[in-house]
PDB file of N, CA and C in Angstrom:
ATOM      1  N   MET A   1     137.800 166.373  95.519  1.00  0.00           N
ATOM      2  CA  MET A   1     137.026 166.151  96.706  1.00  0.00           C
ATOM      3  C   MET A   1     135.600 165.774  96.304  1.00  0.00           C
ATOM      4  N   GLU A   2     135.108 164.754  96.911  1.00  0.00           N
ATOM      5  CA  GLU A   2     133.781 164.238  96.576  1.00  0.00           C
ATOM      6  C   GLU A   2     132.724 164.906  97.452  1.00  0.00           C
ATOM      7  N   THR A   3     131.653 165.367  96.817  1.00  0.00           N
ATOM      8  CA  THR A   3     130.578 165.997  97.582  1.00  0.00           C
ATOM      9  C   THR A   3     129.542 164.954  97.956  1.00  0.00           C
ATOM     10  N   LYS A   4     129.008 165.106  99.134  1.00  0.00           N
ATOM     11  CA  LYS A   4     127.971 164.181  99.583  1.00  0.00           C
ATOM     12  C   LYS A   4     126.622 164.654  99.069  1.00  0.00           C
ATOM     13  N   GLN A   5     125.849 163.688  98.613  1.00  0.00           N
ATOM     14  CA  GLN A   5     124.529 164.001  98.096  1.00  0.00           C
ATOM     15  C   GLN A   5     123.504 163.861  99.216  1.00  0.00           C
ATOM     16  N   LEU A   6     122.583 164.804  99.281  1.00  0.00           N
ATOM     17  CA  LEU A   6     121.535 164.774 100.289  1.00  0.00           C
ATOM     18  C   LEU A   6     120.546 163.666  99.945  1.00  0.00           C
ATOM     19  N   ILE A   7     120.267 162.816 100.915  1.00  0.00           N
ATOM     20  CA  ILE A   7     119.352 161.701 100.693  1.00  0.00           C
ATOM     21  C   ILE A   7     117.964 162.124 101.148  1.00  0.00           C
ATOM     22  N   LEU A   8     117.058 162.221 100.210  1.00  0.00           N
ATOM     23  CA  LEU A   8     115.682 162.588 100.510  1.00  0.00           C
ATOM     24  C   LEU A   8     114.823 161.335 100.542  1.00  0.00           C
ATOM     25  N   PRO A   9     113.764 161.344 101.346  1.00  0.00           N
ATOM     26  CA  PRO A   9     112.887 160.177 101.370  1.00  0.00           C
ATOM     27  C   PRO A   9     112.140 160.025 100.048  1.00  0.00           C
ATOM     28  N   ASN A  10     111.819 158.799  99.745  1.00  0.00           N
ATOM     29  CA  ASN A  10     111.066 158.471  98.548  1.00  0.00           C
ATOM     30  C   ASN A  10     109.665 159.081  98.640  1.00  0.00           C
ATOM     31  N   LYS A  11     109.077 159.420  97.492  1.00  0.00           N
ATOM     32  CA  LYS A  11     107.727 159.992  97.476  1.00  0.00           C
ATOM     33  C   LYS A  11     106.722 159.014  98.070  1.00  0.00           C
ATOM     34  N   GLN A  12     106.885 157.735  97.815  1.00  0.00           N
ATOM     35  CA  GLN A  12     105.981 156.724  98.349  1.00  0.00           C
ATOM     36  C   GLN A  12     106.097 156.629  99.873  1.00  0.00           C
ATOM     37  N   THR A  13     107.295 156.840 100.400  1.00  0.00           N
ATOM     38  CA  THR A  13     107.492 156.837 101.848  1.00  0.00           C
ATOM     39  C   THR A  13     106.772 158.019 102.495  1.00  0.00           C
ATOM     40  N   ILE A  14     106.825 159.168 101.845  1.00  0.00           N
ATOM     41  CA  ILE A  14     106.135 160.349 102.369  1.00  0.00           C
ATOM     42  C   ILE A  14     104.626 160.137 102.343  1.00  0.00           C
ATOM     43  N   ILE A  15     104.115 159.513 101.289  1.00  0.00           N
ATOM     44  CA  ILE A  15     102.685 159.210 101.207  1.00  0.00           C
ATOM     45  C   ILE A  15     102.286 158.250 102.329  1.00  0.00           C
ATOM     46  N   GLY A  16     103.083 157.217 102.565  1.00  0.00           N
ATOM     47  CA  GLY A  16     102.806 156.276 103.646  1.00  0.00           C
ATOM     48  C   GLY A  16     102.847 156.939 105.009  1.00  0.00           C
ATOM     49  N   PHE A  17     103.798 157.858 105.197  1.00  0.00           N
ATOM     50  CA  PHE A  17     103.894 158.590 106.459  1.00  0.00           C
ATOM     51  C   PHE A  17     102.647 159.443 106.682  1.00  0.00           C
ATOM     52  N   ALA A  18     102.217 160.148 105.641  1.00  0.00           N
ATOM     53  CA  ALA A  18     101.025 160.996 105.756  1.00  0.00           C
ATOM     54  C   ALA A  18      99.780 160.153 106.018  1.00  0.00           C
ATOM     55  N   LEU A  19      99.657 159.031 105.328  1.00  0.00           N
ATOM     56  CA  LEU A  19      98.505 158.154 105.554  1.00  0.00           C
ATOM     57  C   LEU A  19      98.513 157.581 106.968  1.00  0.00           C
ATOM     58  N   GLY A  20      99.689 157.233 107.461  1.00  0.00           N
ATOM     59  CA  GLY A  20      99.797 156.714 108.823  1.00  0.00           C
ATOM     60  C   GLY A  20      99.401 157.748 109.864  1.00  0.00           C
ATOM     61  N   LEU A  21      99.838 158.990 109.673  1.00  0.00           N
ATOM     62  CA  LEU A  21      99.464 160.050 110.612  1.00  0.00           C
ATOM     63  C   LEU A  21      97.974 160.371 110.536  1.00  0.00           C
ATOM     64  N   LEU A  22      97.426 160.417 109.319  1.00  0.00           N
ATOM     65  CA  LEU A  22      96.000 160.715 109.172  1.00  0.00           C
ATOM     66  C   LEU A  22      95.132 159.623 109.773  1.00  0.00           C
ATOM     67  N   LEU A  23      95.514 158.368 109.566  1.00  0.00           N
ATOM     68  CA  LEU A  23      94.738 157.266 110.133  1.00  0.00           C
ATOM     69  C   LEU A  23      94.807 157.282 111.657  1.00  0.00           C
ATOM     70  N   ALA A  24      95.976 157.566 112.199  1.00  0.00           N
ATOM     71  CA  ALA A  24      96.106 157.647 113.655  1.00  0.00           C
ATOM     72  C   ALA A  24      95.314 158.826 114.213  1.00  0.00           C
ATOM     73  N   LEU A  25      95.334 159.959 113.522  1.00  0.00           N
ATOM     74  CA  LEU A  25      94.567 161.124 113.966  1.00  0.00           C
ATOM     75  C   LEU A  25      93.072 160.828 113.939  1.00  0.00           C
ATOM     76  N   LEU A  26      92.613 160.193 112.877  1.00  0.00           N
ATOM     77  CA  LEU A  26      91.193 159.862 112.760  1.00  0.00           C
ATOM     78  C   LEU A  26      90.759 158.869 113.832  1.00  0.00           C
ATOM     79  N   SER A  27      91.541 157.825 114.032  1.00  0.00           N
ATOM     80  CA  SER A  27      91.154 156.819 115.028  1.00  0.00           C
ATOM     81  C   SER A  27      91.264 157.366 116.452  1.00  0.00           C
ATOM     82  N   THR A  28      92.240 158.229 116.721  1.00  0.00           N
ATOM     83  CA  THR A  28      92.341 158.857 118.038  1.00  0.00           C
ATOM     84  C   THR A  28      91.149 159.773 118.291  1.00  0.00           C
ATOM     85  N   THR A  29      90.750 160.521 117.272  1.00  0.00           N
ATOM     86  CA  THR A  29      89.584 161.395 117.401  1.00  0.00           C
ATOM     87  C   THR A  29      88.328 160.586 117.684  1.00  0.00           C
ATOM     88  N   LEU A  30      88.155 159.485 116.969  1.00  0.00           N
ATOM     89  CA  LEU A  30      86.982 158.641 117.194  1.00  0.00           C
ATOM     90  C   LEU A  30      86.992 158.027 118.590  1.00  0.00           C
ATOM     91  N   LEU A  31      88.161 157.599 119.052  1.00  0.00           N
ATOM     92  CA  LEU A  31      88.254 157.042 120.405  1.00  0.00           C
ATOM     93  C   LEU A  31      87.914 158.086 121.469  1.00  0.00           C
ATOM     94  N   LEU A  32      88.447 159.280 121.316  1.00  0.00           N
ATOM     95  CA  LEU A  32      88.174 160.327 122.299  1.00  0.00           C
ATOM     96  C   LEU A  32      86.714 160.756 122.274  1.00  0.00           C
ATOM     97  N   ARG A  33      86.126 160.823 121.101  1.00  0.00           N
ATOM     98  CA  ARG A  33      84.708 161.186 121.021  1.00  0.00           C
ATOM     99  C   ARG A  33      83.841 160.106 121.639  1.00  0.00           C
ATOM    100  N   TYR A  34      84.223 158.848 121.442  1.00  0.00           N
ATOM    101  CA  TYR A  34      83.422 157.745 121.964  1.00  0.00           C
ATOM    102  C   TYR A  34      83.528 157.662 123.487  1.00  0.00           C
ATOM    103  N   TYR A  35      84.741 157.749 124.011  1.00  0.00           N
ATOM    104  CA  TYR A  35      84.932 157.571 125.450  1.00  0.00           C
ATOM    105  C   TYR A  35      84.720 158.847 126.253  1.00  0.00           C
ATOM    106  N   ALA A  36      85.103 159.995 125.710  1.00  0.00           N
ATOM    107  CA  ALA A  36      85.001 161.239 126.475  1.00  0.00           C
ATOM    108  C   ALA A  36      83.784 162.065 126.086  1.00  0.00           C
ATOM    109  N   GLY A  37      83.241 161.840 124.922  1.00  0.00           N
ATOM    110  CA  GLY A  37      82.082 162.590 124.468  1.00  0.00           C
ATOM    111  C   GLY A  37      82.379 164.046 124.167  1.00  0.00           C
ATOM    112  N   ALA A  38      83.622 164.369 123.902  1.00  0.00           N
ATOM    113  CA  ALA A  38      84.011 165.757 123.643  1.00  0.00           C
ATOM    114  C   ALA A  38      83.822 166.095 122.165  1.00  0.00           C
ATOM    115  N   GLN A  39      83.709 167.383 121.896  1.00  0.00           N
ATOM    116  CA  GLN A  39      83.625 167.845 120.520  1.00  0.00           C
ATOM    117  C   GLN A  39      85.018 167.814 119.892  1.00  0.00           C
ATOM    118  N   PHE A  40      85.060 167.915 118.551  1.00  0.00           N
ATOM    119  CA  PHE A  40      86.321 167.751 117.830  1.00  0.00           C
ATOM    120  C   PHE A  40      87.375 168.756 118.269  1.00  0.00           C
ATOM    121  N   TRP A  41      87.025 170.042 118.336  1.00  0.00           N
ATOM    122  CA  TRP A  41      88.029 171.055 118.653  1.00  0.00           C
ATOM    123  C   TRP A  41      88.447 171.021 120.112  1.00  0.00           C
ATOM    124  N   GLU A  42      87.612 170.502 120.992  1.00  0.00           N
ATOM    125  CA  GLU A  42      87.976 170.396 122.401  1.00  0.00           C
ATOM    126  C   GLU A  42      89.047 169.335 122.629  1.00  0.00           C
ATOM    127  N   LEU A  43      89.135 168.389 121.727  1.00  0.00           N
ATOM    128  CA  LEU A  43      90.031 167.254 121.932  1.00  0.00           C
ATOM    129  C   LEU A  43      91.500 167.640 121.839  1.00  0.00           C
ATOM    130  N   TYR A  44      91.825 168.558 120.937  1.00  0.00           N
ATOM    131  CA  TYR A  44      93.226 168.848 120.667  1.00  0.00           C
ATOM    132  C   TYR A  44      93.675 170.210 121.190  1.00  0.00           C
ATOM    133  N   ASN A  45      92.832 170.917 121.939  1.00  0.00           N
ATOM    134  CA  ASN A  45      93.237 172.211 122.479  1.00  0.00           C
ATOM    135  C   ASN A  45      94.293 172.070 123.569  1.00  0.00           C
ATOM    136  N   HIS A  46      94.097 171.153 124.496  1.00  0.00           N
ATOM    137  CA  HIS A  46      95.013 170.989 125.622  1.00  0.00           C
ATOM    138  C   HIS A  46      95.307 169.506 125.836  1.00  0.00           C
ATOM    139  N   PRO A  47      96.136 168.903 124.987  1.00  0.00           N
ATOM    140  CA  PRO A  47      96.359 167.462 125.126  1.00  0.00           C
ATOM    141  C   PRO A  47      97.099 167.071 126.396  1.00  0.00           C
ATOM    142  N   ALA A  48      97.890 167.973 126.962  1.00  0.00           N
ATOM    143  CA  ALA A  48      98.625 167.619 128.181  1.00  0.00           C
ATOM    144  C   ALA A  48      97.696 167.514 129.387  1.00  0.00           C
ATOM    145  N   GLU A  49      96.515 168.126 129.306  1.00  0.00           N
ATOM    146  CA  GLU A  49      95.573 168.063 130.419  1.00  0.00           C
ATOM    147  C   GLU A  49      94.802 166.749 130.455  1.00  0.00           C
ATOM    148  N   TRP A  50      94.821 166.012 129.379  1.00  0.00           N
ATOM    149  CA  TRP A  50      94.126 164.724 129.343  1.00  0.00           C
ATOM    150  C   TRP A  50      95.045 163.667 129.957  1.00  0.00           C
ATOM    151  N   PRO A  51      94.670 163.078 131.074  1.00  0.00           N
ATOM    152  CA  PRO A  51      95.554 162.077 131.686  1.00  0.00           C
ATOM    153  C   PRO A  51      95.664 160.802 130.861  1.00  0.00           C
ATOM    154  N   ILE A  52      94.703 160.564 129.988  1.00  0.00           N
ATOM    155  CA  ILE A  52      94.728 159.333 129.203  1.00  0.00           C
ATOM    156  C   ILE A  52      95.205 159.566 127.779  1.00  0.00           C
ATOM    157  N   MET A  53      95.728 160.753 127.474  1.00  0.00           N
ATOM    158  CA  MET A  53      96.064 161.089 126.092  1.00  0.00           C
ATOM    159  C   MET A  53      97.136 160.168 125.525  1.00  0.00           C
ATOM    160  N   GLY A  54      98.132 159.797 126.314  1.00  0.00           N
ATOM    161  CA  GLY A  54      99.168 158.896 125.825  1.00  0.00           C
ATOM    162  C   GLY A  54      98.618 157.530 125.473  1.00  0.00           C
ATOM    163  N   ALA A  55      97.746 157.015 126.323  1.00  0.00           N
ATOM    164  CA  ALA A  55      97.146 155.709 126.045  1.00  0.00           C
ATOM    165  C   ALA A  55      96.230 155.763 124.835  1.00  0.00           C
ATOM    166  N   VAL A  56      95.485 156.852 124.695  1.00  0.00           N
ATOM    167  CA  VAL A  56      94.577 156.970 123.552  1.00  0.00           C
ATOM    168  C   VAL A  56      95.362 157.125 122.255  1.00  0.00           C
ATOM    169  N   LEU A  57      96.468 157.865 122.290  1.00  0.00           N
ATOM    170  CA  LEU A  57      97.311 157.972 121.099  1.00  0.00           C
ATOM    171  C   LEU A  57      97.907 156.620 120.727  1.00  0.00           C
ATOM    172  N   SER A  58      98.289 155.844 121.729  1.00  0.00           N
ATOM    173  CA  SER A  58      98.823 154.509 121.458  1.00  0.00           C
ATOM    174  C   SER A  58      97.765 153.615 120.834  1.00  0.00           C
ATOM    175  N   LEU A  59      96.563 153.646 121.388  1.00  0.00           N
ATOM    176  CA  LEU A  59      95.474 152.850 120.816  1.00  0.00           C
ATOM    177  C   LEU A  59      95.059 153.371 119.445  1.00  0.00           C
ATOM    178  N   GLY A  60      95.172 154.666 119.253  1.00  0.00           N
ATOM    179  CA  GLY A  60      94.812 155.250 117.969  1.00  0.00           C
ATOM    180  C   GLY A  60      95.747 154.868 116.848  1.00  0.00           C
ATOM    181  N   SER A  61      96.948 154.445 117.183  1.00  0.00           N
ATOM    182  CA  SER A  61      97.886 154.038 116.137  1.00  0.00           C
ATOM    183  C   SER A  61      97.771 152.556 115.784  1.00  0.00           C
ATOM    184  N   LEU A  62      96.909 151.819 116.466  1.00  0.00           N
ATOM    185  CA  LEU A  62      96.733 150.398 116.144  1.00  0.00           C
ATOM    186  C   LEU A  62      96.197 150.140 114.735  1.00  0.00           C
ATOM    187  N   PRO A  63      95.293 150.954 114.191  1.00  0.00           N
ATOM    188  CA  PRO A  63      94.875 150.705 112.803  1.00  0.00           C
ATOM    189  C   PRO A  63      96.012 150.822 111.790  1.00  0.00           C
ATOM    190  N   ASN A  64      97.099 151.478 112.178  1.00  0.00           N
ATOM    191  CA  ASN A  64      98.256 151.537 111.292  1.00  0.00           C
ATOM    192  C   ASN A  64      98.864 150.158 111.068  1.00  0.00           C
ATOM    193  N   LEU A  65      98.647 149.255 112.003  1.00  0.00           N
ATOM    194  CA  LEU A  65      99.130 147.886 111.838  1.00  0.00           C
ATOM    195  C   LEU A  65      98.469 147.229 110.629  1.00  0.00           C
ATOM    196  N   ALA A  66      97.161 147.403 110.511  1.00  0.00           N
ATOM    197  CA  ALA A  66      96.443 146.847 109.359  1.00  0.00           C
ATOM    198  C   ALA A  66      96.900 147.517 108.064  1.00  0.00           C
ATOM    199  N   LEU A  67      97.103 148.834 108.106  1.00  0.00           N
ATOM    200  CA  LEU A  67      97.571 149.552 106.918  1.00  0.00           C
ATOM    201  C   LEU A  67      98.972 149.098 106.521  1.00  0.00           C
ATOM    202  N   PHE A  68      99.825 148.877 107.501  1.00  0.00           N
ATOM    203  CA  PHE A  68     101.183 148.402 107.242  1.00  0.00           C
ATOM    204  C   PHE A  68     101.172 147.047 106.533  1.00  0.00           C
ATOM    205  N   PHE A  69     100.398 146.102 107.063  1.00  0.00           N
ATOM    206  CA  PHE A  69     100.361 144.780 106.445  1.00  0.00           C
ATOM    207  C   PHE A  69      99.648 144.798 105.094  1.00  0.00           C
ATOM    208  N   TYR A  70      98.692 145.710 104.922  1.00  0.00           N
ATOM    209  CA  TYR A  70      98.043 145.849 103.619  1.00  0.00           C
ATOM    210  C   TYR A  70      99.058 146.307 102.574  1.00  0.00           C
ATOM    211  N   PHE A  71      99.875 147.297 102.914  1.00  0.00           N
ATOM    212  CA  PHE A  71     100.885 147.771 101.975  1.00  0.00           C
ATOM    213  C   PHE A  71     101.923 146.693 101.685  1.00  0.00           C
ATOM    214  N   LEU A  72     102.258 145.880 102.677  1.00  0.00           N
ATOM    215  CA  LEU A  72     103.189 144.781 102.418  1.00  0.00           C
ATOM    216  C   LEU A  72     102.570 143.735 101.503  1.00  0.00           C
ATOM    217  N   LYS A  73     101.284 143.480 101.670  1.00  0.00           N
ATOM    218  CA  LYS A  73     100.604 142.466 100.860  1.00  0.00           C
ATOM    219  C   LYS A  73     100.543 142.873  99.391  1.00  0.00           C
ATOM    220  N   ILE A  74     100.351 144.163  99.126  1.00  0.00           N
ATOM    221  CA  ILE A  74     100.266 144.600  97.731  1.00  0.00           C
ATOM    222  C   ILE A  74     101.621 145.088  97.203  1.00  0.00           C
ATOM    223  N   ASP A  75     102.692 144.718  97.889  1.00  0.00           N
ATOM    224  CA  ASP A  75     104.070 145.019  97.484  1.00  0.00           C
ATOM    225  C   ASP A  75     104.350 146.517  97.357  1.00  0.00           C
ATOM    226  N   LYS A  76     103.932 147.261  98.340  1.00  0.00           N
ATOM    227  CA  LYS A  76     104.243 148.694  98.427  1.00  0.00           C
ATOM    228  C   LYS A  76     105.116 148.902  99.662  1.00  0.00           C
ATOM    229  N   GLU A  77     106.365 148.430  99.565  1.00  0.00           N
ATOM    230  CA  GLU A  77     107.250 148.440 100.728  1.00  0.00           C
ATOM    231  C   GLU A  77     107.591 149.848 101.198  1.00  0.00           C
ATOM    232  N   PHE A  78     107.710 150.785 100.259  1.00  0.00           N
ATOM    233  CA  PHE A  78     108.063 152.145 100.664  1.00  0.00           C
ATOM    234  C   PHE A  78     106.920 152.821 101.415  1.00  0.00           C
ATOM    235  N   LYS A  79     105.678 152.546 101.009  1.00  0.00           N
ATOM    236  CA  LYS A  79     104.541 153.089 101.759  1.00  0.00           C
ATOM    237  C   LYS A  79     104.465 152.443 103.138  1.00  0.00           C
ATOM    238  N   ALA A  80     104.761 151.144 103.218  1.00  0.00           N
ATOM    239  CA  ALA A  80     104.786 150.460 104.515  1.00  0.00           C
ATOM    240  C   ALA A  80     105.876 151.056 105.405  1.00  0.00           C
ATOM    241  N   LYS A  81     107.000 151.404 104.804  1.00  0.00           N
ATOM    242  CA  LYS A  81     108.076 152.047 105.560  1.00  0.00           C
ATOM    243  C   LYS A  81     107.628 153.404 106.103  1.00  0.00           C
ATOM    244  N   GLY A  82     106.855 154.145 105.319  1.00  0.00           N
ATOM    245  CA  GLY A  82     106.320 155.424 105.774  1.00  0.00           C
ATOM    246  C   GLY A  82     105.347 155.267 106.928  1.00  0.00           C
ATOM    247  N   VAL A  83     104.494 154.231 106.863  1.00  0.00           N
ATOM    248  CA  VAL A  83     103.554 153.966 107.958  1.00  0.00           C
ATOM    249  C   VAL A  83     104.327 153.605 109.219  1.00  0.00           C
ATOM    250  N   LEU A  84     105.360 152.804 109.084  1.00  0.00           N
ATOM    251  CA  LEU A  84     106.180 152.434 110.236  1.00  0.00           C
ATOM    252  C   LEU A  84     106.873 153.664 110.828  1.00  0.00           C
ATOM    253  N   THR A  85     107.320 154.564 109.979  1.00  0.00           N
ATOM    254  CA  THR A  85     107.924 155.807 110.452  1.00  0.00           C
ATOM    255  C   THR A  85     106.907 156.656 111.211  1.00  0.00           C
ATOM    256  N   ALA A  86     105.663 156.673 110.741  1.00  0.00           N
ATOM    257  CA  ALA A  86     104.606 157.414 111.436  1.00  0.00           C
ATOM    258  C   ALA A  86     104.348 156.821 112.816  1.00  0.00           C
ATOM    259  N   VAL A  87     104.395 155.501 112.929  1.00  0.00           N
ATOM    260  CA  VAL A  87     104.190 154.851 114.230  1.00  0.00           C
ATOM    261  C   VAL A  87     105.320 155.219 115.190  1.00  0.00           C
ATOM    262  N   VAL A  88     106.541 155.260 114.698  1.00  0.00           N
ATOM    263  CA  VAL A  88     107.672 155.662 115.542  1.00  0.00           C
ATOM    264  C   VAL A  88     107.516 157.128 115.962  1.00  0.00           C
ATOM    265  N   PHE A  89     107.070 157.968 115.050  1.00  0.00           N
ATOM    266  CA  PHE A  89     106.821 159.380 115.358  1.00  0.00           C
ATOM    267  C   PHE A  89     105.761 159.517 116.448  1.00  0.00           C
ATOM    268  N   ILE A  90     104.698 158.741 116.349  1.00  0.00           N
ATOM    269  CA  ILE A  90     103.629 158.767 117.356  1.00  0.00           C
ATOM    270  C   ILE A  90     104.148 158.251 118.696  1.00  0.00           C
ATOM    271  N   ALA A  91     105.001 157.227 118.664  1.00  0.00           N
ATOM    272  CA  ALA A  91     105.560 156.689 119.904  1.00  0.00           C
ATOM    273  C   ALA A  91     106.414 157.739 120.619  1.00  0.00           C
ATOM    274  N   VAL A  92     107.171 158.511 119.866  1.00  0.00           N
ATOM    275  CA  VAL A  92     107.966 159.584 120.467  1.00  0.00           C
ATOM    276  C   VAL A  92     107.044 160.655 121.053  1.00  0.00           C
ATOM    277  N   ALA A  93     105.945 160.969 120.358  1.00  0.00           N
ATOM    278  CA  ALA A  93     104.982 161.946 120.881  1.00  0.00           C
ATOM    279  C   ALA A  93     104.351 161.447 122.174  1.00  0.00           C
ATOM    280  N   VAL A  94     104.025 160.164 122.240  1.00  0.00           N
ATOM    281  CA  VAL A  94     103.456 159.581 123.465  1.00  0.00           C
ATOM    282  C   VAL A  94     104.468 159.662 124.599  1.00  0.00           C
ATOM    283  N   LEU A  95     105.723 159.379 124.304  1.00  0.00           N
ATOM    284  CA  LEU A  95     106.770 159.459 125.321  1.00  0.00           C
ATOM    285  C   LEU A  95     106.911 160.884 125.852  1.00  0.00           C
ATOM    286  N   ILE A  96     106.869 161.856 124.966  1.00  0.00           N
ATOM    287  CA  ILE A  96     106.969 163.255 125.393  1.00  0.00           C
ATOM    288  C   ILE A  96     105.773 163.648 126.251  1.00  0.00           C
ATOM    289  N   ILE A  97     104.574 163.218 125.849  1.00  0.00           N
ATOM    290  CA  ILE A  97     103.376 163.533 126.636  1.00  0.00           C
ATOM    291  C   ILE A  97     103.451 162.883 128.012  1.00  0.00           C
ATOM    292  N   LYS A  98     103.889 161.628 128.057  1.00  0.00           N
ATOM    293  CA  LYS A  98     103.995 160.934 129.346  1.00  0.00           C
ATOM    294  C   LYS A  98     105.024 161.604 130.257  1.00  0.00           C
ATOM    295  N   LEU A  99     106.165 161.990 129.699  1.00  0.00           N
ATOM    296  CA  LEU A  99     107.202 162.613 130.518  1.00  0.00           C
ATOM    297  C   LEU A  99     106.823 164.028 130.947  1.00  0.00           C
ATOM    298  N   SER A 100     106.051 164.730 130.136  1.00  0.00           N
ATOM    299  CA  SER A 100     105.671 166.092 130.514  1.00  0.00           C
ATOM    300  C   SER A 100     104.575 166.111 131.572  1.00  0.00           C
ATOM    301  N   SER A 101     103.862 165.007 131.729  1.00  0.00           N
ATOM    302  CA  SER A 101     102.788 164.979 132.724  1.00  0.00           C
ATOM    303  C   SER A 101     103.246 164.408 134.063  1.00  0.00           C
ATOM    304  N   LEU A 102     104.530 164.139 134.209  1.00  0.00           N
ATOM    305  CA  LEU A 102     105.033 163.616 135.489  1.00  0.00           C
ATOM    306  C   LEU A 102     105.135 164.695 136.530  1.00  0.00           C
TER     307      LEU A 102
END
């Protein structure tokens, strides 16, 4: 009987995923500080109370597009795959936030 081997993500994919999440977090924080004028800790205490949180998270993930194409340009496909995975993760989070605020 043949045993199935567990497929783990590549280390470069995990690095790309972490970079994608960090860049989205940083850009979302900057957007919220610029438009709402809130302090850093006030921004993430109650995200469901912010009516624009889904839109800001979506806009905050736009810099990941530049990071994705940068990784493709320097032939780091696995890091680009991680950034793309982070964008999908953020999209699911936006969907959950939008559905929970209905």
